[in-house]
Amino acid sequence: MRTLPATLRAWSPRMAGITSIVLLLGLMCLISACQGSNAGPTIEATDGTITPAPISWRATSTPEPPILALSIVTEELKVEPTPLRAGHPFTITGVIHNDSPVPASDVPVLIHLSANQEKLGYTSFVELLTVTVAASQSVPITVPVHWNLAGGEHRLWLQVNYLPRAWQPRAPTLPEENLADNLALVDLMIDPFDAYTSDLCPGRVDLEIGPSDVLPDPERQVVHVLVHNLGNKAAYNAPVIALSRNTSGMAYTPIVPPCGGTARVEIAVDQPFEEGEAFSVRVNPEGWEDGLVEDNYANNTVSVAAGLPGAAQQQLSSLQDYDFSIHAGEIEVPELGVLLIRVYNHGTRDAANVPIQVTDDAGHKLNDVVPLVQGSGSGVVAIRVASLWKAGVTLTLTVNPEDAGEGYPEVNRENNVATFAIP
């Protein structure tokens, strides 16, 4: 067995001690590296011992964004021109205030105008827009209303950064704590068409009929009467009486516009009559209970003889009175299921409650009215057609259809129909 030289045997214990020291130093370096940035400061005591110094931790917080403070003042809302009239456009103006130190970008503003008592087919006016208001500033807004609203009591809401939940995907609201002053509410009165007065002609009410305005029709056993209003105030529910030796009948007029407006009535009689039979026709007889008070009653009575069968419609229609038209290129879709339609009147007379009909490919129909179509002008109506709304379906729109019970006499109906293809 071989043994180490004496010299090496003498160095062996020393080598073992050095190796241990090297390994210990390497282990300490490894531990220090693992601690990395977590190693804190140390304190060396007088006796040579080293202890870690206490570490003071400070939490850093992200500053909260400033909360918006938007508002609208009801007293600053204006609706012009006044008085509001059915069928006439007007403008809504208001001011949006930003009382916070940061700007407010793309703030949603909802305008909603509806009738207190909505009738069948009524469609409210709704518009959604966005505005940007600088810090500590105010911005005015102007909203034109071309909706053909009927007369009566209405309510106007204007909401700033305050929308129903269903509207959030269309215009998200911004964070804001106090929403109490983000809503303005105003009650509006829109004068109905039959409340109109005009300075273009004299008198309060002056109804008139002439020989060419009355035609007894033996074929249908009715008396056709065309009533004129020469006064400066619209008339309605005026009695019209037809009398002959053997028969009589009575009817009431619809609204008769002022300053030359007309209304047509058909009087059904209680006994048959023949061609040539003499008739006396009176409109709004003087002294009639609950009748209209007129300045001139001399032109309210006329005497005629029964005319030729089938001639009534031709004689009582006039292209100068009413001539309606609609154009497919002007039909708009303000929101899904609603059509906005402009109806023109190339005649000279204003027409109230003009019937309009919407028909789909399957023959389903919706009936509505245009509250007012001005003579030598136009009127706008919004029709809710959700029940007919289906992609690819073609809708046919007819203004003043011939079979409408409350239609207007019209010779030219070539432009009364338009089509709209639902996308």
Protein backbone atom coordinates (compact mmCIF):
# COMPACT_ATOMS: atom_id res chain seq x y z
CA MET A 1 0.00 0.00 0.00
CA ARG A 2 1.36 3.40 -1.09
CA THR A 3 1.41 6.31 1.38
CA LEU A 4 1.72 10.07 0.86
CA PRO A 5 4.98 11.72 1.36
CA ALA A 6 5.48 13.31 4.74
CA THR A 7 5.38 16.82 3.27
CA LEU A 8 1.96 16.29 1.76
CA ARG A 9 0.68 14.66 4.91
CA ALA A 10 1.65 17.79 6.76
CA TRP A 11 -0.26 20.10 4.31
CA SER A 12 -3.49 18.08 4.16
CA PRO A 13 -5.21 19.62 7.21
CA ARG A 14 -4.36 23.09 6.02
CA MET A 15 -5.76 22.42 2.52
CA ALA A 16 -9.01 21.18 4.01
CA GLY A 17 -9.38 24.38 6.02
CA ILE A 18 -8.78 26.60 2.98
CA THR A 19 -11.28 24.62 0.92
CA SER A 20 -13.94 25.04 3.56
CA ILE A 21 -13.37 28.79 3.64
CA VAL A 22 -13.65 29.05 -0.17
CA LEU A 23 -16.86 27.02 -0.21
CA LEU A 24 -18.34 29.17 2.56
CA LEU A 25 -17.52 32.39 0.70
CA GLY A 26 -19.12 31.00 -2.50
CA LEU A 27 -22.27 30.06 -0.61
CA MET A 28 -22.55 33.58 0.84
CA CYS A 29 -22.14 35.12 -2.63
CA LEU A 30 -24.86 32.84 -3.99
CA ILE A 31 -27.29 33.81 -1.22
CA SER A 32 -26.56 37.50 -1.80
CA ALA A 33 -27.22 37.13 -5.53
CA CYS A 34 -30.52 35.37 -4.91
CA GLN A 35 -31.68 38.19 -2.65
CA GLY A 36 -30.91 40.69 -5.44
CA SER A 37 -32.64 43.97 -5.07
CA ASN A 38 -34.39 42.80 -1.93
CA ALA A 39 -31.17 43.19 0.03
CA GLY A 40 -31.53 46.14 2.33
CA PRO A 41 -29.04 48.40 4.08
CA THR A 42 -27.01 47.05 7.06
CA ILE A 43 -25.71 48.45 10.35
CA GLU A 44 -22.28 47.54 11.75
CA ALA A 45 -22.11 47.47 15.54
CA THR A 46 -19.06 48.40 17.61
CA ASP A 47 -18.37 44.73 18.31
CA GLY A 48 -18.08 44.08 14.57
CA THR A 49 -21.45 42.37 14.09
CA ILE A 50 -23.52 43.39 11.08
CA THR A 51 -27.30 43.55 11.26
CA PRO A 52 -29.80 44.62 8.54
CA ALA A 53 -31.21 48.09 8.94
CA PRO A 54 -35.00 48.46 9.26
CA ILE A 55 -36.72 49.18 5.93
CA SER A 56 -39.44 51.84 5.66
CA TRP A 57 -42.00 51.00 2.95
CA ARG A 58 -44.04 53.82 1.26
CA ALA A 59 -47.10 52.93 -0.86
CA THR A 60 -47.44 54.98 -4.09
CA SER A 61 -51.11 55.61 -5.26
CA THR A 62 -52.34 56.55 -8.74
CA PRO A 63 -54.18 59.91 -8.64
CA GLU A 64 -57.94 59.71 -9.33
CA PRO A 65 -59.16 61.50 -12.49
CA PRO A 66 -61.23 64.62 -11.78
CA ILE A 67 -65.00 64.02 -11.71
CA LEU A 68 -67.08 65.94 -14.28
CA ALA A 69 -69.73 68.42 -13.22
CA LEU A 70 -72.09 69.00 -16.16
CA SER A 71 -75.44 70.78 -15.99
CA ILE A 72 -78.25 72.38 -17.98
CA VAL A 73 -80.58 75.12 -16.75
CA THR A 74 -84.27 74.84 -17.61
CA GLU A 75 -84.70 78.63 -17.70
CA GLU A 76 -82.11 78.82 -20.50
CA LEU A 77 -84.10 76.53 -22.81
CA LYS A 78 -85.80 78.38 -25.66
CA VAL A 79 -88.24 77.22 -28.32
CA GLU A 80 -88.76 79.58 -31.27
CA PRO A 81 -90.73 80.88 -33.06
CA THR A 82 -93.74 81.07 -30.81
CA PRO A 83 -96.57 80.36 -30.69
CA LEU A 84 -95.85 76.81 -31.87
CA ARG A 85 -98.19 75.65 -34.62
CA ALA A 86 -98.98 72.15 -35.81
CA GLY A 87 -97.09 71.32 -38.98
CA HIS A 88 -94.65 74.23 -38.70
CA PRO A 89 -90.93 73.72 -37.93
CA PHE A 90 -89.30 75.31 -34.88
CA THR A 91 -85.92 75.36 -33.12
CA ILE A 92 -84.83 74.26 -29.63
CA THR A 93 -81.80 76.01 -28.08
CA GLY A 94 -80.06 75.41 -24.77
CA VAL A 95 -76.69 75.78 -22.99
CA ILE A 96 -74.51 72.94 -21.66
CA HIS A 97 -72.31 73.96 -18.69
CA ASN A 98 -69.07 72.28 -17.58
CA ASP A 99 -68.18 73.35 -14.01
CA SER A 100 -65.24 70.93 -13.69
CA PRO A 101 -61.52 71.73 -14.26
CA VAL A 102 -61.19 69.18 -17.07
CA PRO A 103 -62.69 69.15 -20.57
CA ALA A 104 -65.67 66.91 -21.34
CA SER A 105 -65.38 65.24 -24.74
CA ASP A 106 -68.23 63.62 -26.69
CA VAL A 107 -70.88 64.28 -24.05
CA PRO A 108 -74.19 62.64 -25.12
CA VAL A 109 -77.24 64.92 -25.25
CA LEU A 110 -80.72 63.43 -25.71
CA ILE A 111 -83.68 65.53 -26.89
CA HIS A 112 -87.13 63.93 -26.56
CA LEU A 113 -90.43 65.62 -27.42
CA SER A 114 -93.73 63.76 -27.08
CA ALA A 115 -97.44 64.46 -26.72
CA ASN A 116 -99.09 64.14 -23.31
CA GLN A 117 -101.87 62.18 -25.00
CA GLU A 118 -100.51 60.17 -27.90
CA LYS A 119 -102.95 59.09 -30.60
CA LEU A 120 -102.75 56.00 -32.78
CA GLY A 121 -99.80 56.25 -35.15
CA TYR A 122 -98.14 59.07 -33.20
CA THR A 123 -94.32 59.14 -33.27
CA SER A 124 -92.29 61.18 -30.78
CA PHE A 125 -89.37 63.38 -31.82
CA VAL A 126 -86.07 61.92 -30.57
CA GLU A 127 -82.55 63.11 -31.39
CA LEU A 128 -79.21 62.07 -29.91
CA LEU A 129 -76.11 64.20 -30.41
CA THR A 130 -72.71 64.65 -28.77
CA VAL A 131 -70.91 67.85 -27.76
CA THR A 132 -67.49 68.73 -26.38
CA VAL A 133 -67.30 71.31 -23.58
CA ALA A 134 -63.98 72.83 -22.50
CA ALA A 135 -63.01 72.99 -18.83
CA SER A 136 -65.02 75.56 -16.88
CA GLN A 137 -66.83 76.64 -20.06
CA SER A 138 -70.34 76.51 -21.57
CA VAL A 139 -71.48 75.52 -25.04
CA PRO A 140 -74.83 76.43 -26.70
CA ILE A 141 -76.69 73.83 -28.74
CA THR A 142 -79.32 74.32 -31.45
CA VAL A 143 -81.68 71.57 -32.57
CA PRO A 144 -84.05 72.19 -35.52
CA VAL A 145 -87.35 70.28 -35.30
CA HIS A 146 -88.94 69.50 -38.66
CA TRP A 147 -91.26 66.84 -37.21
CA ASN A 148 -94.88 67.41 -38.25
CA LEU A 149 -96.30 67.39 -34.72
CA ALA A 150 -100.04 67.60 -34.26
CA GLY A 151 -101.58 70.12 -31.90
CA GLY A 152 -102.01 69.72 -28.18
CA GLU A 153 -99.97 69.58 -24.98
CA HIS A 154 -96.41 68.29 -25.34
CA ARG A 155 -93.45 67.70 -23.02
CA LEU A 156 -89.81 68.38 -23.89
CA TRP A 157 -86.94 66.54 -22.16
CA LEU A 158 -83.32 67.53 -22.63
CA GLN A 159 -80.83 65.20 -20.90
CA VAL A 160 -77.06 65.80 -20.68
CA ASN A 161 -74.76 62.82 -19.96
CA TYR A 162 -77.85 61.09 -18.59
CA LEU A 163 -79.26 58.39 -20.86
CA PRO A 164 -81.49 55.36 -20.48
CA ARG A 165 -79.54 52.12 -20.18
CA ALA A 166 -80.68 50.95 -23.61
CA TRP A 167 -79.00 53.98 -25.20
CA GLN A 168 -75.60 53.42 -23.57
CA PRO A 169 -74.10 51.37 -26.45
CA ARG A 170 -74.91 54.19 -28.88
CA ALA A 171 -73.36 56.99 -26.80
CA PRO A 172 -71.65 55.97 -23.53
CA THR A 173 -71.97 58.44 -20.67
CA LEU A 174 -68.99 59.85 -18.76
CA PRO A 175 -68.27 59.40 -15.01
CA GLU A 176 -70.20 61.97 -12.99
CA GLU A 177 -71.37 61.89 -9.37
CA ASN A 178 -74.22 64.43 -9.34
CA LEU A 179 -76.80 64.03 -12.12
CA ALA A 180 -79.56 66.06 -10.45
CA ASP A 181 -78.97 69.08 -12.71
CA ASN A 182 -78.43 67.13 -15.94
CA LEU A 183 -82.11 67.08 -16.91
CA ALA A 184 -84.37 69.91 -18.10
CA LEU A 185 -88.13 69.47 -18.54
CA VAL A 186 -90.44 71.96 -20.28
CA ASP A 187 -94.18 71.77 -21.03
CA LEU A 188 -95.11 73.03 -24.50
CA MET A 189 -98.44 73.85 -26.13
CA ILE A 190 -98.66 73.39 -29.89
CA ASP A 191 -101.63 75.15 -31.41
CA PRO A 192 -103.71 72.72 -33.48
CA PHE A 193 -104.48 73.48 -37.08
CA ASP A 194 -108.05 74.53 -36.35
CA ALA A 195 -106.82 77.33 -34.07
CA TYR A 196 -105.16 79.23 -36.92
CA THR A 197 -105.95 82.81 -37.70
CA SER A 198 -104.49 84.88 -40.50
CA ASP A 199 -104.02 88.56 -41.18
CA LEU A 200 -104.25 88.00 -44.94
CA CYS A 201 -108.03 88.23 -45.05
CA PRO A 202 -110.77 90.08 -43.12
CA GLY A 203 -113.47 88.89 -40.75
CA ARG A 204 -113.68 86.29 -37.98
CA VAL A 205 -115.56 83.53 -39.82
CA ASP A 206 -117.18 83.89 -43.24
CA LEU A 207 -118.29 80.65 -44.86
CA GLU A 208 -119.55 80.65 -48.44
CA ILE A 209 -121.19 78.34 -50.97
CA GLY A 210 -122.15 79.09 -54.57
CA PRO A 211 -124.20 77.33 -57.28
CA SER A 212 -121.10 75.57 -58.66
CA ASP A 213 -120.25 74.24 -55.17
CA VAL A 214 -123.45 72.18 -54.77
CA LEU A 215 -124.42 69.14 -56.80
CA PRO A 216 -127.22 66.72 -55.82
CA ASP A 217 -126.29 63.29 -57.25
CA PRO A 218 -129.35 61.13 -58.04
CA GLU A 219 -127.15 58.13 -58.86
CA ARG A 220 -125.68 57.92 -55.33
CA GLN A 221 -128.57 59.70 -53.56
CA VAL A 222 -126.24 62.21 -51.88
CA VAL A 223 -125.68 65.96 -52.12
CA HIS A 224 -122.08 67.07 -52.68
CA VAL A 225 -121.16 70.42 -51.16
CA LEU A 226 -117.86 72.32 -51.30
CA VAL A 227 -117.65 74.92 -48.48
CA HIS A 228 -115.32 77.94 -48.74
CA ASN A 229 -113.93 79.88 -45.77
CA LEU A 230 -113.30 83.52 -46.67
CA GLY A 231 -112.63 84.58 -43.08
CA ASN A 232 -109.37 84.84 -41.18
CA LYS A 233 -110.12 82.05 -38.71
CA ALA A 234 -110.35 78.33 -39.36
CA ALA A 235 -113.81 76.82 -39.01
CA TYR A 236 -114.88 73.28 -38.13
CA ASN A 237 -118.05 71.30 -37.40
CA ALA A 238 -120.18 73.78 -39.34
CA PRO A 239 -123.64 72.36 -40.14
CA VAL A 240 -124.60 71.97 -43.83
CA ILE A 241 -128.29 71.34 -44.57
CA ALA A 242 -129.88 70.18 -47.84
CA LEU A 243 -133.66 70.56 -48.30
CA SER A 244 -136.05 69.71 -51.12
CA ARG A 245 -139.80 69.26 -51.30
CA ASN A 246 -139.58 65.53 -50.56
CA THR A 247 -136.27 64.96 -48.78
CA SER A 248 -133.68 66.46 -46.45
CA GLY A 249 -130.30 65.71 -44.90
CA MET A 250 -127.53 67.27 -42.84
CA ALA A 251 -123.76 66.88 -42.36
CA TYR A 252 -120.94 68.69 -40.56
CA THR A 253 -117.79 70.04 -42.12
CA PRO A 254 -114.31 68.96 -41.12
CA ILE A 255 -111.74 71.70 -40.54
CA VAL A 256 -112.01 74.50 -43.12
CA PRO A 257 -108.73 76.48 -43.36
CA PRO A 258 -108.92 80.29 -43.35
CA CYS A 259 -108.39 82.71 -46.24
CA GLY A 260 -109.94 80.69 -49.04
CA GLY A 261 -109.62 77.18 -47.62
CA THR A 262 -112.19 74.58 -48.60
CA ALA A 263 -113.81 71.45 -47.19
CA ARG A 264 -115.99 68.88 -48.90
CA VAL A 265 -119.03 67.16 -47.39
CA GLU A 266 -121.48 64.55 -48.64
CA ILE A 267 -125.02 64.82 -47.32
CA ALA A 268 -127.06 61.64 -47.21
CA VAL A 269 -130.79 62.29 -47.56
CA ASP A 270 -133.72 60.50 -45.91
CA GLN A 271 -135.86 60.05 -49.08
CA PRO A 272 -134.96 59.27 -52.71
CA PHE A 273 -134.84 62.11 -55.22
CA GLU A 274 -134.66 62.33 -58.99
CA GLU A 275 -132.74 64.38 -61.53
CA GLY A 276 -134.01 67.94 -61.80
CA GLU A 277 -135.38 68.09 -58.25
CA ALA A 278 -134.80 71.50 -56.68
CA PHE A 279 -132.65 71.77 -53.54
CA SER A 280 -131.91 74.56 -51.11
CA VAL A 281 -128.54 74.15 -49.36
CA ARG A 282 -127.42 76.19 -46.34
CA VAL A 283 -124.12 76.24 -44.49
CA ASN A 284 -123.98 77.41 -40.87
CA PRO A 285 -127.53 78.88 -40.80
CA GLU A 286 -127.87 82.10 -38.86
CA GLY A 287 -129.23 81.51 -35.36
CA TRP A 288 -128.25 77.85 -35.33
CA GLU A 289 -127.65 76.60 -31.78
CA ASP A 290 -123.91 76.30 -31.12
CA GLY A 291 -123.30 77.59 -34.66
CA LEU A 292 -120.34 79.74 -35.67
CA VAL A 293 -120.77 83.50 -35.44
CA GLU A 294 -120.16 85.08 -38.86
CA ASP A 295 -119.77 88.60 -40.11
CA ASN A 296 -121.64 87.82 -43.35
CA TYR A 297 -124.48 85.31 -43.71
CA ALA A 298 -125.64 86.51 -47.16
CA ASN A 299 -123.45 83.98 -48.99
CA ASN A 300 -124.47 80.94 -46.90
CA THR A 301 -127.49 79.76 -48.95
CA VAL A 302 -127.85 78.55 -52.55
CA SER A 303 -130.62 76.88 -54.59
CA VAL A 304 -129.80 74.27 -57.27
CA ALA A 305 -131.39 71.41 -59.20
CA ALA A 306 -130.24 67.79 -59.09
CA GLY A 307 -127.54 67.26 -61.69
CA LEU A 308 -126.46 64.50 -64.04
CA PRO A 309 -125.39 61.19 -62.49
CA GLY A 310 -121.66 60.82 -61.89
CA ALA A 311 -120.81 64.48 -62.50
CA ALA A 312 -120.27 65.45 -58.87
CA GLN A 313 -116.65 64.40 -58.47
CA GLN A 314 -115.57 66.12 -61.69
CA GLN A 315 -117.24 69.42 -60.84
CA LEU A 316 -116.14 69.61 -57.19
CA SER A 317 -112.48 68.76 -57.79
CA SER A 318 -109.92 71.41 -58.60
CA LEU A 319 -106.23 71.03 -59.36
CA GLN A 320 -105.68 74.48 -57.88
CA ASP A 321 -106.97 73.37 -54.48
CA TYR A 322 -105.02 70.14 -53.81
CA ASP A 323 -102.30 68.33 -55.72
CA PHE A 324 -100.15 66.07 -53.54
CA SER A 325 -96.91 64.28 -54.35
CA ILE A 326 -94.17 62.26 -52.63
CA HIS A 327 -90.70 61.28 -53.85
CA ALA A 328 -88.88 58.03 -53.05
CA GLY A 329 -85.51 59.78 -52.87
CA GLU A 330 -86.67 61.93 -49.93
CA ILE A 331 -87.81 59.07 -47.66
CA GLU A 332 -85.52 58.87 -44.61
CA VAL A 333 -85.03 56.38 -41.77
CA PRO A 334 -84.30 58.39 -38.59
CA GLU A 335 -84.36 55.18 -36.55
CA LEU A 336 -85.06 51.52 -37.17
CA GLY A 337 -88.71 50.91 -37.99
CA VAL A 338 -89.59 54.58 -38.60
CA LEU A 339 -89.99 56.33 -41.96
CA LEU A 340 -89.75 60.12 -42.28
CA ILE A 341 -91.74 61.26 -45.31
CA ARG A 342 -92.15 64.70 -46.87
CA VAL A 343 -95.43 65.30 -48.69
CA TYR A 344 -95.77 68.18 -51.14
CA ASN A 345 -98.92 70.12 -52.03
CA HIS A 346 -98.73 71.85 -55.41
CA GLY A 347 -102.24 73.23 -54.89
CA THR A 348 -103.06 76.53 -53.23
CA ARG A 349 -105.00 75.29 -50.17
CA ASP A 350 -103.64 74.07 -46.86
CA ALA A 351 -104.73 70.52 -46.09
CA ALA A 352 -105.11 69.11 -42.59
CA ASN A 353 -104.90 65.39 -41.68
CA VAL A 354 -103.99 64.24 -45.18
CA PRO A 355 -104.34 60.42 -45.26
CA ILE A 356 -101.28 58.32 -46.11
CA GLN A 357 -101.09 54.55 -46.49
CA VAL A 358 -98.15 52.11 -46.28
CA THR A 359 -98.46 48.64 -47.86
CA ASP A 360 -95.96 45.77 -47.91
CA ASP A 361 -95.47 43.01 -50.51
CA ALA A 362 -98.01 40.76 -48.75
CA GLY A 363 -100.74 43.41 -48.81
CA HIS A 364 -100.57 44.34 -45.12
CA LYS A 365 -101.49 48.00 -44.61
CA LEU A 366 -100.83 50.79 -42.15
CA ASN A 367 -102.84 54.02 -42.24
CA ASP A 368 -101.74 57.36 -40.84
CA VAL A 369 -102.23 61.07 -41.51
CA VAL A 370 -100.02 64.07 -42.18
CA PRO A 371 -101.18 66.71 -39.66
CA LEU A 372 -100.69 69.59 -42.10
CA VAL A 373 -99.56 69.97 -45.72
CA GLN A 374 -99.34 73.64 -46.55
CA GLY A 375 -100.65 74.97 -49.85
CA SER A 376 -97.79 75.54 -52.31
CA GLY A 377 -95.58 73.93 -49.67
CA SER A 378 -95.09 70.65 -47.85
CA GLY A 379 -95.53 68.73 -44.62
CA VAL A 380 -93.53 66.03 -42.86
CA VAL A 381 -94.77 62.93 -41.09
CA ALA A 382 -92.94 60.18 -39.19
CA ILE A 383 -94.65 56.81 -39.50
CA ARG A 384 -93.80 53.84 -37.29
CA VAL A 385 -93.75 50.79 -39.59
CA ALA A 386 -92.10 48.26 -37.27
CA SER A 387 -94.82 45.67 -37.93
CA LEU A 388 -93.95 45.72 -41.66
CA TRP A 389 -90.18 46.03 -41.22
CA LYS A 390 -88.34 43.08 -42.78
CA ALA A 391 -85.10 43.13 -44.76
CA GLY A 392 -85.70 42.97 -48.50
CA VAL A 393 -89.38 43.95 -48.35
CA THR A 394 -90.58 46.79 -50.57
CA LEU A 395 -93.05 49.22 -49.02
CA THR A 396 -95.51 51.20 -51.14
CA LEU A 397 -96.50 54.61 -49.81
CA THR A 398 -99.64 56.34 -51.09
CA VAL A 399 -100.64 59.85 -50.09
CA ASN A 400 -104.34 60.79 -50.26
CA PRO A 401 -105.43 57.36 -51.60
CA GLU A 402 -108.63 57.38 -53.62
CA ASP A 403 -110.37 54.95 -51.24
CA ALA A 404 -109.61 57.03 -48.11
CA GLY A 405 -112.77 57.99 -46.29
CA GLU A 406 -111.45 61.44 -45.29
CA GLY A 407 -109.47 62.12 -48.47
CA TYR A 408 -109.25 65.31 -50.49
CA PRO A 409 -110.58 65.94 -54.01
CA GLU A 410 -107.66 65.69 -56.40
CA VAL A 411 -107.43 65.45 -60.19
CA ASN A 412 -103.73 64.62 -60.64
CA ARG A 413 -102.70 61.53 -58.65
CA GLU A 414 -99.74 60.49 -60.81
CA ASN A 415 -97.19 61.46 -58.15
CA ASN A 416 -99.07 60.20 -55.10
CA VAL A 417 -97.21 56.87 -54.86
CA ALA A 418 -93.59 56.05 -53.98
CA THR A 419 -91.78 52.85 -53.02
CA PHE A 420 -89.10 52.17 -50.42
CA ALA A 421 -86.95 49.03 -50.25
CA ILE A 422 -86.06 48.04 -46.69
CA PRO A 423 -82.29 47.41 -46.57
